[in-house]
C-alpha cells in the first residue's frame, strides 16, 4: 500500500482511533456515547497489539502516546478554543521530532 509496511498501517490506525476516543472523552454526555468510546478503545488496542507484533513495543508506544499528546493539544486548540502557550507548542514540536526520528530509526 503505497510503500508502507502493514505494521506501520496498524500504527497509523491506532493513532487515528486514539484521537477519536480522546475527542469522545471531551464530548460524551450520554451512556451510548460511552459505549461508542469503549468500542473505539477496543478497536484501538487491537491495532496497537498488531503493530507491536513486529515493530518494537517501545517505538510503537512512543508514537502512540506522542500522537495522543499532540492530538489532544490540537483538539483542545481547534475545537474547544483552549489557550496554548508558546512553551507547550515548543514541547509538542519536540515530540514530533522524536516520533519522526523513531520512525526513521526503525526503517
C-alpha atoms as a PDB file:
ATOM      1  CA  UNK A   1       0.000   0.000   0.000  1.00  0.00           C
ATOM      2  CA  UNK A   2       1.972   2.966  -1.330  1.00  0.00           C
ATOM      3  CA  UNK A   3       5.237   1.538   0.003  1.00  0.00           C
ATOM      4  CA  UNK A   4       4.046   1.492   3.638  1.00  0.00           C
ATOM      5  CA  UNK A   5       4.533  -1.699   5.636  1.00  0.00           C
ATOM      6  CA  UNK A   6       1.398  -3.308   7.044  1.00  0.00           C
ATOM      7  CA  UNK A   7       2.742  -2.841  10.572  1.00  0.00           C
ATOM      8  CA  UNK A   8       3.011   0.920  10.077  1.00  0.00           C
ATOM      9  CA  UNK A   9      -0.574   0.973   8.809  1.00  0.00           C
ATOM     10  CA  UNK A  10      -1.519  -0.543  12.184  1.00  0.00           C
ATOM     11  CA  UNK A  11       0.411   2.262  13.916  1.00  0.00           C
ATOM     12  CA  UNK A  12      -1.424   4.894  11.855  1.00  0.00           C
ATOM     13  CA  UNK A  13      -4.790   3.260  12.592  1.00  0.00           C
ATOM     14  CA  UNK A  14      -4.111   3.031  16.321  1.00  0.00           C
ATOM     15  CA  UNK A  15      -3.183   6.716  16.334  1.00  0.00           C
ATOM     16  CA  UNK A  16      -6.362   7.629  14.451  1.00  0.00           C
ATOM     17  CA  UNK A  17      -8.628   5.651  16.777  1.00  0.00           C
ATOM     18  CA  UNK A  18      -6.809   7.035  19.814  1.00  0.00           C
ATOM     19  CA  UNK A  19      -7.657  10.566  18.694  1.00  0.00           C
ATOM     20  CA  UNK A  20     -11.279   9.526  18.157  1.00  0.00           C
ATOM     21  CA  UNK A  21     -11.721   8.274  21.703  1.00  0.00           C
ATOM     22  CA  UNK A  22      -9.773  11.214  23.161  1.00  0.00           C
ATOM     23  CA  UNK A  23     -12.235  13.521  21.414  1.00  0.00           C
ATOM     24  CA  UNK A  24     -15.060  11.347  22.697  1.00  0.00           C
ATOM     25  CA  UNK A  25     -13.940  11.893  26.295  1.00  0.00           C
ATOM     26  CA  UNK A  26     -14.407  15.620  25.789  1.00  0.00           C
ATOM     27  CA  UNK A  27     -17.882  15.484  24.275  1.00  0.00           C
ATOM     28  CA  UNK A  28     -19.575  12.401  25.737  1.00  0.00           C
ATOM     29  CA  UNK A  29     -22.720  13.130  27.728  1.00  0.00           C
ATOM     30  CA  UNK A  30     -24.903  10.066  27.262  1.00  0.00           C
ATOM     31  CA  UNK A  31     -24.462   6.381  28.029  1.00  0.00           C
ATOM     32  CA  UNK A  32     -24.472   5.467  24.327  1.00  0.00           C
ATOM     33  CA  UNK A  33     -21.580   7.906  23.758  1.00  0.00           C
ATOM     34  CA  UNK A  34     -19.541   5.995  26.322  1.00  0.00           C
ATOM     35  CA  UNK A  35     -20.439   2.688  24.670  1.00  0.00           C
ATOM     36  CA  UNK A  36     -19.032   4.037  21.395  1.00  0.00           C
ATOM     37  CA  UNK A  37     -15.903   5.287  23.187  1.00  0.00           C
ATOM     38  CA  UNK A  38     -15.280   1.892  24.806  1.00  0.00           C
ATOM     39  CA  UNK A  39     -15.739   0.251  21.391  1.00  0.00           C
ATOM     40  CA  UNK A  40     -13.220   2.651  19.863  1.00  0.00           C
ATOM     41  CA  UNK A  41     -10.740   1.855  22.641  1.00  0.00           C
ATOM     42  CA  UNK A  42     -11.120  -1.881  21.980  1.00  0.00           C
ATOM     43  CA  UNK A  43     -10.551  -1.372  18.239  1.00  0.00           C
ATOM     44  CA  UNK A  44      -7.637   0.946  19.019  1.00  0.00           C
ATOM     45  CA  UNK A  45      -5.871  -1.532  21.270  1.00  0.00           C
ATOM     46  CA  UNK A  46      -6.400  -4.296  18.713  1.00  0.00           C
ATOM     47  CA  UNK A  47      -4.446  -2.250  16.166  1.00  0.00           C
ATOM     48  CA  UNK A  48      -1.880  -1.361  18.838  1.00  0.00           C
ATOM     49  CA  UNK A  49      -1.353  -5.043  19.630  1.00  0.00           C
ATOM     50  CA  UNK A  50      -0.952  -5.910  15.950  1.00  0.00           C
ATOM     51  CA  UNK A  51       1.586  -3.120  15.464  1.00  0.00           C
ATOM     52  CA  UNK A  52       3.645  -4.402  18.407  1.00  0.00           C
ATOM     53  CA  UNK A  53       3.973  -7.863  16.871  1.00  0.00           C
ATOM     54  CA  UNK A  54       6.778  -6.747  14.538  1.00  0.00           C
ATOM     55  CA  UNK A  55       7.707  -3.168  15.474  1.00  0.00           C
ATOM     56  CA  UNK A  56       9.466  -2.718  18.833  1.00  0.00           C
ATOM     57  CA  UNK A  57       6.877  -2.028  21.510  1.00  0.00           C
ATOM     58  CA  UNK A  58       8.788   0.988  22.815  1.00  0.00           C
ATOM     59  CA  UNK A  59       8.718   2.578  19.379  1.00  0.00           C
ATOM     60  CA  UNK A  60       5.013   1.912  18.892  1.00  0.00           C
ATOM     61  CA  UNK A  61       4.127   3.169  22.354  1.00  0.00           C
ATOM     62  CA  UNK A  62       6.242   6.320  21.979  1.00  0.00           C
ATOM     63  CA  UNK A  63       4.465   7.137  18.710  1.00  0.00           C
ATOM     64  CA  UNK A  64       1.056   6.215  20.150  1.00  0.00           C
ATOM     65  CA  UNK A  65       1.480   8.398  23.228  1.00  0.00           C
ATOM     66  CA  UNK A  66       3.153  11.212  21.283  1.00  0.00           C
ATOM     67  CA  UNK A  67       0.332  11.384  18.754  1.00  0.00           C
ATOM     68  CA  UNK A  68      -2.149  11.303  21.630  1.00  0.00           C
ATOM     69  CA  UNK A  69      -0.447  14.218  23.388  1.00  0.00           C
ATOM     70  CA  UNK A  70      -0.140  16.241  20.189  1.00  0.00           C
ATOM     71  CA  UNK A  71      -3.651  15.346  19.072  1.00  0.00           C
ATOM     72  CA  UNK A  72      -5.195  16.277  22.419  1.00  0.00           C
ATOM     73  CA  UNK A  73      -3.422  19.642  22.293  1.00  0.00           C
ATOM     74  CA  UNK A  74      -4.596  20.324  18.740  1.00  0.00           C
ATOM     75  CA  UNK A  75      -8.146  19.176  19.522  1.00  0.00           C
ATOM     76  CA  UNK A  76      -8.234  21.484  22.542  1.00  0.00           C
ATOM     77  CA  UNK A  77      -6.950  24.422  20.464  1.00  0.00           C
ATOM     78  CA  UNK A  78      -9.125  23.948  17.397  1.00  0.00           C
ATOM     79  CA  UNK A  79     -12.359  22.508  18.718  1.00  0.00           C
ATOM     80  CA  UNK A  80     -12.549  23.826  22.266  1.00  0.00           C
ATOM     81  CA  UNK A  81     -10.744  27.156  21.822  1.00  0.00           C
ATOM     82  CA  UNK A  82      -8.331  26.467  24.684  1.00  0.00           C
ATOM     83  CA  UNK A  83      -5.343  28.729  25.064  1.00  0.00           C
ATOM     84  CA  UNK A  84      -1.996  27.091  24.371  1.00  0.00           C
ATOM     85  CA  UNK A  85       1.235  28.692  25.498  1.00  0.00           C
ATOM     86  CA  UNK A  86       4.310  29.019  23.312  1.00  0.00           C
ATOM     87  CA  UNK A  87       6.278  26.681  25.579  1.00  0.00           C
ATOM     88  CA  UNK A  88       3.617  23.991  25.056  1.00  0.00           C
ATOM     89  CA  UNK A  89       3.992  24.333  21.284  1.00  0.00           C
ATOM     90  CA  UNK A  90       7.756  24.019  21.680  1.00  0.00           C
ATOM     91  CA  UNK A  91       7.399  20.735  23.522  1.00  0.00           C
ATOM     92  CA  UNK A  92       4.814  19.476  21.015  1.00  0.00           C
ATOM     93  CA  UNK A  93       7.399  20.210  18.302  1.00  0.00           C
ATOM     94  CA  UNK A  94       9.956  18.164  20.270  1.00  0.00           C
ATOM     95  CA  UNK A  95       7.516  15.246  20.397  1.00  0.00           C
ATOM     96  CA  UNK A  96       7.031  15.474  16.627  1.00  0.00           C
ATOM     97  CA  UNK A  97      10.799  15.442  16.053  1.00  0.00           C
ATOM     98  CA  UNK A  98      11.117  12.429  18.357  1.00  0.00           C
ATOM     99  CA  UNK A  99       8.332  10.493  16.630  1.00  0.00           C
ATOM    100  CA  UNK A 100       9.807  11.179  13.180  1.00  0.00           C
ATOM    101  CA  UNK A 101      13.246  10.073  14.340  1.00  0.00           C
ATOM    102  CA  UNK A 102      11.842   6.860  15.853  1.00  0.00           C
ATOM    103  CA  UNK A 103      10.203   6.039  12.515  1.00  0.00           C
ATOM    104  CA  UNK A 104      13.448   6.759  10.683  1.00  0.00           C
ATOM    105  CA  UNK A 105      15.426   4.638  13.143  1.00  0.00           C
ATOM    106  CA  UNK A 106      13.118   1.670  12.529  1.00  0.00           C
ATOM    107  CA  UNK A 107      13.367   1.950   8.714  1.00  0.00           C
END
